[in-house]
């Protein structure tokens, strides 16, 4: 199954809240992530920078399904004020994506 990695930025004053909310992610959101095929999902933080890494067969399809889900919509609205802008996206990008160049399993 393909792995994907992308980057986000949290506002400096929102780091503590961001981490707290991720210690108690809503169970119904976790179930939806699994339902759309997302697994092995991690978020790493260095200062304000976030690196999100996950496995999913079809990234675009999974995010389209999440976009249509009311629970995810509520989560996104709830979390949106915690994020800072990131650099411009490449054409067709949803997030600033990383390309995997090496993986040791």
Protein backbone atom coordinates (compact mmCIF):
# COMPACT_ATOMS: atom_id res chain seq x y z
CA UNK A 1 0.00 0.00 0.00
CA UNK A 2 1.42 3.43 -0.92
CA UNK A 3 2.65 5.80 1.77
CA UNK A 4 2.04 9.53 1.55
CA UNK A 5 3.64 12.39 3.45
CA UNK A 6 2.65 16.03 3.53
CA UNK A 7 3.28 19.11 5.55
CA UNK A 8 1.19 21.56 7.53
CA UNK A 9 2.02 24.37 9.94
CA UNK A 10 0.42 25.03 13.30
CA UNK A 11 0.35 28.52 14.79
CA UNK A 12 2.94 28.86 17.57
CA UNK A 13 0.31 29.87 20.10
CA UNK A 14 -1.82 26.83 19.16
CA UNK A 15 0.78 24.06 19.56
CA UNK A 16 -0.40 22.95 23.01
CA UNK A 17 -4.04 22.85 21.92
CA UNK A 18 -3.17 21.02 18.69
CA UNK A 19 -1.33 18.33 20.62
CA UNK A 20 -4.09 18.07 23.23
CA UNK A 21 -6.77 17.60 20.56
CA UNK A 22 -4.70 14.83 18.97
CA UNK A 23 -4.49 12.99 22.29
CA UNK A 24 -8.29 12.80 22.21
CA UNK A 25 -9.24 12.58 18.53
CA UNK A 26 -12.95 11.86 18.22
CA UNK A 27 -13.60 8.10 17.96
CA UNK A 28 -16.06 8.63 15.10
CA UNK A 29 -13.36 10.47 13.13
CA UNK A 30 -10.86 7.68 13.74
CA UNK A 31 -13.46 5.19 12.49
CA UNK A 32 -14.03 7.27 9.35
CA UNK A 33 -10.30 7.46 8.62
CA UNK A 34 -10.14 3.67 8.74
CA UNK A 35 -13.34 3.36 6.69
CA UNK A 36 -11.84 5.35 3.80
CA UNK A 37 -8.75 3.13 3.90
CA UNK A 38 -6.25 5.25 5.84
CA UNK A 39 -3.87 3.32 8.08
CA UNK A 40 -0.47 3.64 9.70
CA UNK A 41 -1.14 7.39 10.17
CA UNK A 42 1.35 9.48 12.15
CA UNK A 43 1.85 13.18 12.74
CA UNK A 44 5.31 14.45 13.65
CA UNK A 45 6.03 17.97 14.89
CA UNK A 46 9.17 20.07 14.92
CA UNK A 47 8.39 23.52 16.24
CA UNK A 48 5.45 24.76 14.18
CA UNK A 49 6.05 22.33 11.31
CA UNK A 50 3.93 19.20 11.05
CA UNK A 51 4.76 16.17 8.92
CA UNK A 52 1.85 13.81 8.33
CA UNK A 53 2.58 10.30 7.07
CA UNK A 54 -0.02 7.68 6.22
CA UNK A 55 -0.84 4.67 4.08
CA UNK A 56 -3.82 4.58 1.74
CA UNK A 57 -4.50 2.97 -1.64
CA UNK A 58 -5.94 6.12 -3.24
CA UNK A 59 -5.10 9.42 -1.53
CA UNK A 60 -7.43 11.57 -3.66
CA UNK A 61 -10.40 9.21 -3.25
CA UNK A 62 -9.91 8.98 0.52
CA UNK A 63 -9.78 12.77 0.92
CA UNK A 64 -12.85 13.22 -1.30
CA UNK A 65 -14.75 10.83 0.96
CA UNK A 66 -13.52 12.66 4.05
CA UNK A 67 -14.54 16.01 2.54
CA UNK A 68 -18.11 14.72 2.21
CA UNK A 69 -18.28 13.35 5.76
CA UNK A 70 -20.07 15.53 8.37
CA UNK A 71 -17.85 14.38 11.24
CA UNK A 72 -14.70 15.26 9.32
CA UNK A 73 -16.24 18.59 8.29
CA UNK A 74 -16.83 19.44 11.97
CA UNK A 75 -13.28 18.37 12.89
CA UNK A 76 -11.80 20.51 10.10
CA UNK A 77 -13.81 23.55 11.20
CA UNK A 78 -12.80 22.97 14.81
CA UNK A 79 -9.08 22.62 13.97
CA UNK A 80 -8.82 25.26 11.18
CA UNK A 81 -8.06 28.20 13.53
CA UNK A 82 -4.95 26.36 14.79
CA UNK A 83 -3.21 26.29 11.40
CA UNK A 84 -0.87 28.86 9.87
CA UNK A 85 -0.57 29.38 6.12
CA UNK A 86 1.97 27.32 4.22
CA UNK A 87 3.82 27.99 0.99
CA UNK A 88 1.91 27.93 -2.29
CA UNK A 89 0.84 24.52 -3.49
CA UNK A 90 1.95 22.94 -6.73
CA UNK A 91 -0.75 22.69 -9.42
CA UNK A 92 -3.21 19.97 -8.45
CA UNK A 93 -1.88 19.61 -4.89
CA UNK A 94 -4.23 19.48 -1.95
CA UNK A 95 -1.36 19.66 0.57
CA UNK A 96 2.38 20.28 0.16
CA UNK A 97 3.25 16.68 -0.65
CA UNK A 98 6.58 14.93 -0.18
CA UNK A 99 7.85 12.37 -2.65
CA UNK A 100 9.23 9.21 -1.06
CA UNK A 101 12.79 8.65 -2.24
CA UNK A 102 13.81 5.88 0.16
CA UNK A 103 12.07 3.40 2.45
CA UNK A 104 13.49 0.57 4.56
CA UNK A 105 10.90 -1.86 5.84
